[in-house]
Amino acid sequence: MRSIVPRRTSSGARTASQKLVLKPSTPPSIPFILQTRKNREHREALPSLNIDLVRKEIPVTSRRAYFDNAGTGPPSINVLNAIHEYLTDWRDYGENWEEWLPIIIESRRLFGKIIGAGLDEIASVPNVSSALTALASSMRYKPNGNIVISELNFPTNIYLWHLQKRHGRANEVRLLRKDTNGVVPLDEWEKAIDNDTTIVSVDYVSWANGCREKIREIAKIAHQHNAFVIADSFHGLGVFPINAKQDGVDALACGMYKWMQGPHGAAYLYTHHDRLSELDPNYIGWHGVEDSVVRRMSKQEDLFGKPFNIDDAEPALDATRFEGGSWGVVSIVGAKAALEYALKQDQQERYHRILKVTDHLIDGLRRKGRKILTPLQSERRSGIVVFEDEDPQATFNKLKSLNITVASRVKAIRASPHYYNTEEEIDKLLAAL
């Protein structure tokens, strides 16, 4: 966030035109080292990932071997600084909409950039569940139609569609099951999707076993039957490069607090501009209308200089029709910083790092005779490795006592290393099992 000193006018209102540095007398409330301009410029000049430097920028690495990025990713100093500056400004000056709204717009643009989409195709939402609900309530369902989903989806991306059947919007929900290899084969998608399919909703990567779906192939099959494709990229974005247009998805939702290392409370919804006109929201808030405060700002109009039209509700022409009430600005400030941080790094190089570290984990688990539940075909790999464990809660507690963080699951342990993890940390985990 760009820090400012809002200048008071004679009426007491503030302007957002003057920059500010934090006052030295301001007591820091969060124990971390603020960035310097020199450090920022040095990082931007790096031609490739410098893992030693990256680890210095992620404070958790000095405290523990952290392998739960599929749960919550630890923030970088960049994110912490941005949030701290926002909180300081809020504490000292109160509301500053003129400064906050451009941050929200910029965060949308950055999310669009990282997934290969335009600003008009991005909405800022509080979480992925809200994004999926907004889409479900806006669809034009085919008469006697069906919805195709997978058991590998996160529960929200399953429960939501069962409810559409209960309320009569779909005649059938086709829940595909994984095979003995932990995969829903592509031919099962092909069998399930037909001309009566309204929606195909799929996760890029399964939270349960780390299986990476063949999104492009599934989207192609769905479009052959004029079905709408929704993708949850929560466990994909930040792990490997994603281009929503090339992948052929009609809508994509993603939160910031896992692999993107941002805060809770901020997520984004992409909807392809060619499909927006097909979506008619059943619910709307004051930020989702065409004449919103953000739209007024973009036209350089006074935000509250004229009454809002309350005689009708005209949804925004772009993806912001899916934005409801006021944003959690502190979360978006952190999300923007996380996006900026990720965009300074080569996403393909990050993925290579993740594969290298998870390869080391998989090899070690095999040597110890552990059964791996994650599909290991190269095209199915992600950042998640799940392996069987007789007493996962006891194992979790033991590892926690050794400053090693994993996730306990049903008769299994889920490890989700990121690009900043090292093989030495993996060795520490293996030695403790």
Foldseek 3Di string as FASTA:
>chain_A
DFAADFDQDPVRDTDGPGGDDDDPPDDQPDPDDADDPVVVVVLLPDPADDLVVQCVQFVLSVQFQEFALLPFFGAGSLLVNLLRSVVVCCVVPNDDVVVLLVLLLLLLQLVCVQQVHHSLQKAKFQAQLLQVLQQVQFAQAFQQAEEEEEPLADVSLPVVRVVCCVVPSYVYYHYAYADPLRHRDPVNLLVVAALRYAEYEYECAGSPAGFGDLQLSSLVSNVVNPHAYEYEDAQPPLQAGHHCVNSNHQKYKYDCGRSLNADRGIIMMGGPLVCLVNTDGPDAAQQQAQLHLSNCVVVVHDSPPDDDDPPDGHGHSGPNNSPHDDGPSSRSSSSSSSSVVSVSHDRHSFNVLLVVQVVLLVVLCVVVVWAWSHNDDPVTHTQKTKTFAQDQVVLQVQSVVVRYHWDGDDRIIIGGDTSSRDNVSSVVSSVSD
